[in-house]
PDB file of N, CA and C in Angstrom:
ATOM      1  N   MET A   1     -19.225 -74.727  98.930  1.00  0.00           N
ATOM      2  CA  MET A   1     -19.983 -74.020  99.930  1.00  0.00           C
ATOM      3  C   MET A   1     -19.043 -73.124 100.713  1.00  0.00           C
ATOM      4  N   SER A   2     -19.538 -71.969 101.064  1.00  0.00           N
ATOM      5  CA  SER A   2     -18.728 -71.054 101.839  1.00  0.00           C
ATOM      6  C   SER A   2     -19.623 -70.076 102.591  1.00  0.00           C
ATOM      7  N   ARG A   3     -19.214 -69.734 103.778  1.00  0.00           N
ATOM      8  CA  ARG A   3     -19.847 -68.647 104.523  1.00  0.00           C
ATOM      9  C   ARG A   3     -19.036 -67.408 104.184  1.00  0.00           C
ATOM     10  N   LEU A   4     -19.578 -66.575 103.333  1.00  0.00           N
ATOM     11  CA  LEU A   4     -18.809 -65.471 102.755  1.00  0.00           C
ATOM     12  C   LEU A   4     -18.390 -64.409 103.755  1.00  0.00           C
ATOM     13  N   ASP A   5     -19.068 -64.347 104.904  1.00  0.00           N
ATOM     14  CA  ASP A   5     -18.674 -63.350 105.901  1.00  0.00           C
ATOM     15  C   ASP A   5     -17.761 -63.960 106.967  1.00  0.00           C
ATOM     16  N   GLY A   6     -17.350 -65.226 106.758  1.00  0.00           N
ATOM     17  CA  GLY A   6     -16.472 -65.885 107.719  1.00  0.00           C
ATOM     18  C   GLY A   6     -15.054 -65.338 107.652  1.00  0.00           C
ATOM     19  N   VAL A   7     -14.415 -65.261 108.818  1.00  0.00           N
ATOM     20  CA  VAL A   7     -13.027 -64.819 108.891  1.00  0.00           C
ATOM     21  C   VAL A   7     -12.282 -65.844 109.735  1.00  0.00           C
ATOM     22  N   PRO A   8     -11.299 -66.520 109.175  1.00  0.00           N
ATOM     23  CA  PRO A   8     -10.856 -66.435 107.790  1.00  0.00           C
ATOM     24  C   PRO A   8     -11.858 -67.114 106.862  1.00  0.00           C
ATOM     25  N   LEU A   9     -11.802 -66.769 105.597  1.00  0.00           N
ATOM     26  CA  LEU A   9     -12.695 -67.351 104.600  1.00  0.00           C
ATOM     27  C   LEU A   9     -12.344 -68.815 104.410  1.00  0.00           C
ATOM     28  N   ARG A  10     -13.385 -69.660 104.398  1.00  0.00           N
ATOM     29  CA  ARG A  10     -13.220 -71.098 104.185  1.00  0.00           C
ATOM     30  C   ARG A  10     -14.162 -71.525 103.075  1.00  0.00           C
ATOM     31  N   ILE A  11     -13.776 -72.594 102.376  1.00  0.00           N
ATOM     32  CA  ILE A  11     -14.625 -73.152 101.340  1.00  0.00           C
ATOM     33  C   ILE A  11     -14.634 -74.670 101.517  1.00  0.00           C
ATOM     34  N   SER A  12     -15.814 -75.273 101.414  1.00  0.00           N
ATOM     35  CA  SER A  12     -15.933 -76.720 101.506  1.00  0.00           C
ATOM     36  C   SER A  12     -16.141 -77.276 100.109  1.00  0.00           C
ATOM     37  N   LEU A  13     -15.344 -78.296  99.780  1.00  0.00           N
ATOM     38  CA  LEU A  13     -15.330 -78.854  98.431  1.00  0.00           C
ATOM     39  C   LEU A  13     -15.444 -80.366  98.486  1.00  0.00           C
ATOM     40  N   LYS A  14     -16.274 -80.915  97.611  1.00  0.00           N
ATOM     41  CA  LYS A  14     -16.393 -82.364  97.509  1.00  0.00           C
ATOM     42  C   LYS A  14     -15.125 -82.895  96.859  1.00  0.00           C
ATOM     43  N   CYS A  15     -14.723 -84.113  97.272  1.00  0.00           N
ATOM     44  CA  CYS A  15     -13.438 -84.635  96.820  1.00  0.00           C
ATOM     45  C   CYS A  15     -13.477 -86.162  96.806  1.00  0.00           C
ATOM     46  N   ASP A  16     -12.726 -86.760  95.896  1.00  0.00           N
ATOM     47  CA  ASP A  16     -12.544 -88.204  95.898  1.00  0.00           C
ATOM     48  C   ASP A  16     -11.950 -88.587  97.252  1.00  0.00           C
ATOM     49  N   PRO A  17     -12.482 -89.631  97.921  1.00  0.00           N
ATOM     50  CA  PRO A  17     -12.027 -89.952  99.274  1.00  0.00           C
ATOM     51  C   PRO A  17     -10.518 -90.157  99.420  1.00  0.00           C
ATOM     52  N   GLY A  18      -9.882 -90.858  98.499  1.00  0.00           N
ATOM     53  CA  GLY A  18      -8.436 -91.077  98.601  1.00  0.00           C
ATOM     54  C   GLY A  18      -7.652 -89.789  98.468  1.00  0.00           C
ATOM     55  N   LEU A  19      -8.058 -88.956  97.534  1.00  0.00           N
ATOM     56  CA  LEU A  19      -7.400 -87.667  97.330  1.00  0.00           C
ATOM     57  C   LEU A  19      -7.645 -86.745  98.517  1.00  0.00           C
ATOM     58  N   ALA A  20      -8.839 -86.820  99.100  1.00  0.00           N
ATOM     59  CA  ALA A  20      -9.167 -85.967 100.249  1.00  0.00           C
ATOM     60  C   ALA A  20      -8.156 -86.181 101.370  1.00  0.00           C
ATOM     61  N   ILE A  21      -7.852 -87.430 101.651  1.00  0.00           N
ATOM     62  CA  ILE A  21      -6.892 -87.739 102.716  1.00  0.00           C
ATOM     63  C   ILE A  21      -5.499 -87.239 102.340  1.00  0.00           C
ATOM     64  N   GLN A  22      -5.109 -87.460 101.094  1.00  0.00           N
ATOM     65  CA  GLN A  22      -3.788 -87.012 100.626  1.00  0.00           C
ATOM     66  C   GLN A  22      -3.640 -85.497 100.772  1.00  0.00           C
ATOM     67  N   LEU A  23      -4.678 -84.752 100.386  1.00  0.00           N
ATOM     68  CA  LEU A  23      -4.620 -83.293 100.489  1.00  0.00           C
ATOM     69  C   LEU A  23      -4.533 -82.840 101.939  1.00  0.00           C
ATOM     70  N   ARG A  24      -5.250 -83.521 102.833  1.00  0.00           N
ATOM     71  CA  ARG A  24      -5.213 -83.159 104.252  1.00  0.00           C
ATOM     72  C   ARG A  24      -3.837 -83.377 104.858  1.00  0.00           C
ATOM     73  N   THR A  25      -3.154 -84.421 104.403  1.00  0.00           N
ATOM     74  CA  THR A  25      -1.818 -84.674 104.952  1.00  0.00           C
ATOM     75  C   THR A  25      -0.771 -83.732 104.349  1.00  0.00           C
ATOM     76  N   SER A  26      -1.074 -83.171 103.174  1.00  0.00           N
ATOM     77  CA  SER A  26      -0.119 -82.286 102.496  1.00  0.00           C
ATOM     78  C   SER A  26      -0.248 -80.819 102.893  1.00  0.00           C
ATOM     79  N   TYR A  27      -1.441 -80.409 103.312  1.00  0.00           N
ATOM     80  CA  TYR A  27      -1.699 -78.992 103.605  1.00  0.00           C
ATOM     81  C   TYR A  27      -2.436 -78.858 104.937  1.00  0.00           C
ATOM     82  N   ALA A  28      -1.845 -78.113 105.851  1.00  0.00           N
ATOM     83  CA  ALA A  28      -2.469 -77.893 107.164  1.00  0.00           C
ATOM     84  C   ALA A  28      -3.793 -77.141 107.042  1.00  0.00           C
ATOM     85  N   SER A  29      -3.954 -76.355 105.992  1.00  0.00           N
ATOM     86  CA  SER A  29      -5.176 -75.557 105.834  1.00  0.00           C
ATOM     87  C   SER A  29      -6.322 -76.357 105.207  1.00  0.00           C
ATOM     88  N   ILE A  30      -6.095 -77.634 104.889  1.00  0.00           N
ATOM     89  CA  ILE A  30      -7.156 -78.495 104.366  1.00  0.00           C
ATOM     90  C   ILE A  30      -7.490 -79.538 105.428  1.00  0.00           C
ATOM     91  N   THR A  31      -8.749 -79.536 105.842  1.00  0.00           N
ATOM     92  CA  THR A  31      -9.211 -80.460 106.878  1.00  0.00           C
ATOM     93  C   THR A  31     -10.488 -81.154 106.400  1.00  0.00           C
ATOM     94  N   GLY A  32     -10.942 -82.140 107.170  1.00  0.00           N
ATOM     95  CA  GLY A  32     -12.203 -82.805 106.855  1.00  0.00           C
ATOM     96  C   GLY A  32     -13.328 -81.788 106.822  1.00  0.00           C
ATOM     97  N   GLY A  33     -14.287 -82.014 105.938  1.00  0.00           N
ATOM     98  CA  GLY A  33     -15.388 -81.075 105.738  1.00  0.00           C
ATOM     99  C   GLY A  33     -16.117 -80.713 107.019  1.00  0.00           C
ATOM    100  N   TYR A  34     -16.211 -79.440 107.286  1.00  0.00           N
ATOM    101  CA  TYR A  34     -16.880 -78.938 108.488  1.00  0.00           C
ATOM    102  C   TYR A  34     -18.374 -79.194 108.385  1.00  0.00           C
ATOM    103  N   HIS A  35     -18.913 -79.974 109.310  1.00  0.00           N
ATOM    104  CA  HIS A  35     -20.330 -80.356 109.344  1.00  0.00           C
ATOM    105  C   HIS A  35     -20.758 -81.106 108.076  1.00  0.00           C
ATOM    106  N   LEU A  36     -19.836 -81.813 107.443  1.00  0.00           N
ATOM    107  CA  LEU A  36     -20.133 -82.584 106.234  1.00  0.00           C
ATOM    108  C   LEU A  36     -19.522 -83.973 106.383  1.00  0.00           C
ATOM    109  N   ASN A  37     -19.866 -84.864 105.465  1.00  0.00           N
ATOM    110  CA  ASN A  37     -19.285 -86.194 105.447  1.00  0.00           C
ATOM    111  C   ASN A  37     -17.792 -86.060 105.149  1.00  0.00           C
ATOM    112  N   LYS A  38     -16.973 -86.286 106.146  1.00  0.00           N
ATOM    113  CA  LYS A  38     -15.536 -86.048 106.018  1.00  0.00           C
ATOM    114  C   LYS A  38     -14.863 -87.008 105.040  1.00  0.00           C
ATOM    115  N   ARG A  39     -15.516 -88.083 104.685  1.00  0.00           N
ATOM    116  CA  ARG A  39     -14.954 -88.998 103.691  1.00  0.00           C
ATOM    117  C   ARG A  39     -14.950 -88.344 102.310  1.00  0.00           C
ATOM    118  N   HIS A  40     -15.955 -87.523 102.033  1.00  0.00           N
ATOM    119  CA  HIS A  40     -16.137 -86.956 100.700  1.00  0.00           C
ATOM    120  C   HIS A  40     -15.926 -85.442 100.612  1.00  0.00           C
ATOM    121  N   TRP A  41     -15.744 -84.770 101.733  1.00  0.00           N
ATOM    122  CA  TRP A  41     -15.668 -83.305 101.716  1.00  0.00           C
ATOM    123  C   TRP A  41     -14.449 -82.811 102.484  1.00  0.00           C
ATOM    124  N   ASN A  42     -13.809 -81.801 101.933  1.00  0.00           N
ATOM    125  CA  ASN A  42     -12.714 -81.094 102.594  1.00  0.00           C
ATOM    126  C   ASN A  42     -13.122 -79.641 102.790  1.00  0.00           C
ATOM    127  N   THR A  43     -12.637 -79.056 103.866  1.00  0.00           N
ATOM    128  CA  THR A  43     -12.768 -77.618 104.067  1.00  0.00           C
ATOM    129  C   THR A  43     -11.377 -77.015 103.954  1.00  0.00           C
ATOM    130  N   VAL A  44     -11.284 -75.959 103.153  1.00  0.00           N
ATOM    131  CA  VAL A  44     -10.004 -75.294 102.895  1.00  0.00           C
ATOM    132  C   VAL A  44     -10.058 -73.888 103.466  1.00  0.00           C
ATOM    133  N   VAL A  45      -9.106 -73.571 104.333  1.00  0.00           N
ATOM    134  CA  VAL A  45      -8.953 -72.199 104.821  1.00  0.00           C
ATOM    135  C   VAL A  45      -8.182 -71.455 103.740  1.00  0.00           C
ATOM    136  N   LEU A  46      -8.765 -70.384 103.233  1.00  0.00           N
ATOM    137  CA  LEU A  46      -8.144 -69.621 102.147  1.00  0.00           C
ATOM    138  C   LEU A  46      -7.159 -68.611 102.728  1.00  0.00           C
ATOM    139  N   ASP A  47      -6.004 -69.152 103.098  1.00  0.00           N
ATOM    140  CA  ASP A  47      -4.968 -68.329 103.721  1.00  0.00           C
ATOM    141  C   ASP A  47      -3.739 -68.153 102.824  1.00  0.00           C
ATOM    142  N   GLY A  48      -3.829 -68.614 101.571  1.00  0.00           N
ATOM    143  CA  GLY A  48      -2.724 -68.486 100.635  1.00  0.00           C
ATOM    144  C   GLY A  48      -1.752 -69.653 100.642  1.00  0.00           C
ATOM    145  N   SER A  49      -1.945 -70.620 101.531  1.00  0.00           N
ATOM    146  CA  SER A  49      -0.994 -71.726 101.621  1.00  0.00           C
ATOM    147  C   SER A  49      -1.251 -72.825 100.582  1.00  0.00           C
ATOM    148  N   VAL A  50      -2.441 -72.857  99.999  1.00  0.00           N
ATOM    149  CA  VAL A  50      -2.749 -73.816  98.939  1.00  0.00           C
ATOM    150  C   VAL A  50      -2.542 -73.094  97.604  1.00  0.00           C
ATOM    151  N   PRO A  51      -1.729 -73.654  96.715  1.00  0.00           N
ATOM    152  CA  PRO A  51      -1.488 -72.989  95.427  1.00  0.00           C
ATOM    153  C   PRO A  51      -2.791 -72.702  94.677  1.00  0.00           C
ATOM    154  N   ASP A  52      -2.849 -71.543  94.030  1.00  0.00           N
ATOM    155  CA  ASP A  52      -4.062 -71.126  93.323  1.00  0.00           C
ATOM    156  C   ASP A  52      -4.529 -72.165  92.310  1.00  0.00           C
ATOM    157  N   GLN A  53      -3.619 -72.747  91.541  1.00  0.00           N
ATOM    158  CA  GLN A  53      -4.021 -73.715  90.521  1.00  0.00           C
ATOM    159  C   GLN A  53      -4.623 -74.966  91.165  1.00  0.00           C
ATOM    160  N   LEU A  54      -4.049 -75.408  92.276  1.00  0.00           N
ATOM    161  CA  LEU A  54      -4.610 -76.563  92.981  1.00  0.00           C
ATOM    162  C   LEU A  54      -6.009 -76.238  93.475  1.00  0.00           C
ATOM    163  N   LEU A  55      -6.198 -75.052  94.014  1.00  0.00           N
ATOM    164  CA  LEU A  55      -7.517 -74.646  94.492  1.00  0.00           C
ATOM    165  C   LEU A  55      -8.517 -74.615  93.340  1.00  0.00           C
ATOM    166  N   ARG A  56      -8.121 -74.084  92.188  1.00  0.00           N
ATOM    167  CA  ARG A  56      -9.004 -74.078  91.013  1.00  0.00           C
ATOM    168  C   ARG A  56      -9.363 -75.501  90.595  1.00  0.00           C
ATOM    169  N   ASP A  57      -8.380 -76.386  90.590  1.00  0.00           N
ATOM    170  CA  ASP A  57      -8.627 -77.784  90.233  1.00  0.00           C
ATOM    171  C   ASP A  57      -9.579 -78.444  91.221  1.00  0.00           C
ATOM    172  N   MET A  58      -9.408 -78.146  92.499  1.00  0.00           N
ATOM    173  CA  MET A  58     -10.284 -78.717  93.523  1.00  0.00           C
ATOM    174  C   MET A  58     -11.721 -78.217  93.348  1.00  0.00           C
ATOM    175  N   ILE A  59     -11.891 -76.953  93.003  1.00  0.00           N
ATOM    176  CA  ILE A  59     -13.225 -76.395  92.779  1.00  0.00           C
ATOM    177  C   ILE A  59     -13.874 -77.061  91.572  1.00  0.00           C
ATOM    178  N   GLU A  60     -13.119 -77.214  90.495  1.00  0.00           N
ATOM    179  CA  GLU A  60     -13.653 -77.861  89.293  1.00  0.00           C
ATOM    180  C   GLU A  60     -14.036 -79.317  89.575  1.00  0.00           C
ATOM    181  N   ASP A  61     -13.170 -80.040  90.275  1.00  0.00           N
ATOM    182  CA  ASP A  61     -13.469 -81.431  90.613  1.00  0.00           C
ATOM    183  C   ASP A  61     -14.700 -81.521  91.504  1.00  0.00           C
ATOM    184  N   SER A  62     -14.818 -80.612  92.465  1.00  0.00           N
ATOM    185  CA  SER A  62     -15.967 -80.605  93.362  1.00  0.00           C
ATOM    186  C   SER A  62     -17.255 -80.391  92.577  1.00  0.00           C
ATOM    187  N   TYR A  63     -17.233 -79.430  91.670  1.00  0.00           N
ATOM    188  CA  TYR A  63     -18.405 -79.160  90.835  1.00  0.00           C
ATOM    189  C   TYR A  63     -18.795 -80.421  90.058  1.00  0.00           C
ATOM    190  N   ASP A  64     -17.813 -81.062  89.428  1.00  0.00           N
ATOM    191  CA  ASP A  64     -18.095 -82.267  88.648  1.00  0.00           C
ATOM    192  C   ASP A  64     -18.678 -83.377  89.510  1.00  0.00           C
ATOM    193  N   LEU A  65     -18.140 -83.568  90.712  1.00  0.00           N
ATOM    194  CA  LEU A  65     -18.650 -84.611  91.598  1.00  0.00           C
ATOM    195  C   LEU A  65     -20.076 -84.322  92.051  1.00  0.00           C
ATOM    196  N   VAL A  66     -20.364 -83.073  92.375  1.00  0.00           N
ATOM    197  CA  VAL A  66     -21.712 -82.707  92.811  1.00  0.00           C
ATOM    198  C   VAL A  66     -22.697 -82.842  91.657  1.00  0.00           C
ATOM    199  N   VAL A  67     -22.348 -82.327  90.499  1.00  0.00           N
ATOM    200  CA  VAL A  67     -23.255 -82.378  89.350  1.00  0.00           C
ATOM    201  C   VAL A  67     -23.481 -83.822  88.899  1.00  0.00           C
ATOM    202  N   ALA A  68     -22.464 -84.662  89.008  1.00  0.00           N
ATOM    203  CA  ALA A  68     -22.607 -86.064  88.610  1.00  0.00           C
ATOM    204  C   ALA A  68     -23.696 -86.771  89.416  1.00  0.00           C
ATOM    205  N   GLY A  69     -23.972 -86.289  90.611  1.00  0.00           N
ATOM    206  CA  GLY A  69     -24.999 -86.882  91.454  1.00  0.00           C
ATOM    207  C   GLY A  69     -26.404 -86.362  91.193  1.00  0.00           C
ATOM    208  N   LEU A  70     -26.543 -85.392  90.312  1.00  0.00           N
ATOM    209  CA  LEU A  70     -27.857 -84.835  89.988  1.00  0.00           C
ATOM    210  C   LEU A  70     -28.580 -85.723  88.985  1.00  0.00           C
ATOM    211  N   PRO A  71     -29.906 -85.635  88.938  1.00  0.00           N
ATOM    212  CA  PRO A  71     -30.648 -86.363  87.915  1.00  0.00           C
ATOM    213  C   PRO A  71     -30.219 -85.918  86.511  1.00  0.00           C
ATOM    214  N   LEU A  72     -30.353 -86.805  85.547  1.00  0.00           N
ATOM    215  CA  LEU A  72     -29.918 -86.555  84.176  1.00  0.00           C
ATOM    216  C   LEU A  72     -30.496 -85.255  83.620  1.00  0.00           C
ATOM    217  N   ALA A  73     -31.771 -85.001  83.850  1.00  0.00           N
ATOM    218  CA  ALA A  73     -32.399 -83.790  83.307  1.00  0.00           C
ATOM    219  C   ALA A  73     -31.704 -82.531  83.826  1.00  0.00           C
ATOM    220  N   GLN A  74     -31.345 -82.522  85.097  1.00  0.00           N
ATOM    221  CA  GLN A  74     -30.653 -81.354  85.657  1.00  0.00           C
ATOM    222  C   GLN A  74     -29.244 -81.231  85.082  1.00  0.00           C
ATOM    223  N   ARG A  75     -28.559 -82.361  84.916  1.00  0.00           N
ATOM    224  CA  ARG A  75     -27.218 -82.313  84.317  1.00  0.00           C
ATOM    225  C   ARG A  75     -27.296 -81.776  82.890  1.00  0.00           C
ATOM    226  N   GLU A  76     -28.305 -82.197  82.147  1.00  0.00           N
ATOM    227  CA  GLU A  76     -28.456 -81.711  80.769  1.00  0.00           C
ATOM    228  C   GLU A  76     -28.727 -80.212  80.740  1.00  0.00           C
ATOM    229  N   ARG A  77     -29.571 -79.717  81.671  1.00  0.00           N
ATOM    230  CA  ARG A  77     -29.850 -78.278  81.720  1.00  0.00           C
ATOM    231  C   ARG A  77     -28.583 -77.479  82.002  1.00  0.00           C
ATOM    232  N   LEU A  78     -27.681 -78.065  82.754  1.00  0.00           N
ATOM    233  CA  LEU A  78     -26.415 -77.395  83.054  1.00  0.00           C
ATOM    234  C   LEU A  78     -25.405 -77.540  81.926  1.00  0.00           C
ATOM    235  N   GLY A  79     -25.730 -78.367  80.940  1.00  0.00           N
ATOM    236  CA  GLY A  79     -24.811 -78.615  79.845  1.00  0.00           C
ATOM    237  C   GLY A  79     -23.670 -79.542  80.248  1.00  0.00           C
ATOM    238  N   TRP A  80     -23.793 -80.179  81.391  1.00  0.00           N
ATOM    239  CA  TRP A  80     -22.709 -81.000  81.932  1.00  0.00           C
ATOM    240  C   TRP A  80     -22.554 -82.321  81.191  1.00  0.00           C
ATOM    241  N   VAL A  81     -23.645 -82.918  80.775  1.00  0.00           N
ATOM    242  CA  VAL A  81     -23.574 -84.228  80.111  1.00  0.00           C
ATOM    243  C   VAL A  81     -22.760 -84.114  78.825  1.00  0.00           C
ATOM    244  N   ALA A  82     -23.028 -83.094  78.031  1.00  0.00           N
ATOM    245  CA  ALA A  82     -22.293 -82.915  76.777  1.00  0.00           C
ATOM    246  C   ALA A  82     -20.812 -82.678  77.057  1.00  0.00           C
ATOM    247  N   LEU A  83     -20.506 -81.877  78.068  1.00  0.00           N
ATOM    248  CA  LEU A  83     -19.109 -81.601  78.392  1.00  0.00           C
ATOM    249  C   LEU A  83     -18.394 -82.853  78.879  1.00  0.00           C
ATOM    250  N   SER A  84     -19.077 -83.657  79.706  1.00  0.00           N
ATOM    251  CA  SER A  84     -18.409 -84.832  80.257  1.00  0.00           C
ATOM    252  C   SER A  84     -18.150 -85.877  79.177  1.00  0.00           C
ATOM    253  N   ARG A  85     -18.952 -85.920  78.110  1.00  0.00           N
ATOM    254  CA  ARG A  85     -18.743 -86.864  77.015  1.00  0.00           C
ATOM    255  C   ARG A  85     -17.528 -86.490  76.188  1.00  0.00           C
ATOM    256  N   GLU A  86     -17.182 -85.199  76.173  1.00  0.00           N
ATOM    257  CA  GLU A  86     -16.038 -84.726  75.378  1.00  0.00           C
ATOM    258  C   GLU A  86     -14.717 -85.072  76.054  1.00  0.00           C
ATOM    259  N   ARG A  87     -14.717 -85.297  77.338  1.00  0.00           N
ATOM    260  CA  ARG A  87     -13.475 -85.534  78.081  1.00  0.00           C
ATOM    261  C   ARG A  87     -12.898 -86.889  77.824  1.00  0.00           C
TER     262      ARG A  87
END
């Protein structure tokens, strides 16, 4: 989730709770999810301080966590079930 007209640009990403805390302690630009369950969500200020590859990994993990919570029919429409079986 992101407010695209926000300055600075921020993105909120779902995260494994243990990893969420680790990321917050490692990067000042990563904080508990703004207006979200802080146990499961981080907000990242996109100021260049988080490495691009880490940010890509966080986005992919967030997508997987969100989609995993959808009903099976919706996951199948997204093609997620087949992809997750290959991993």
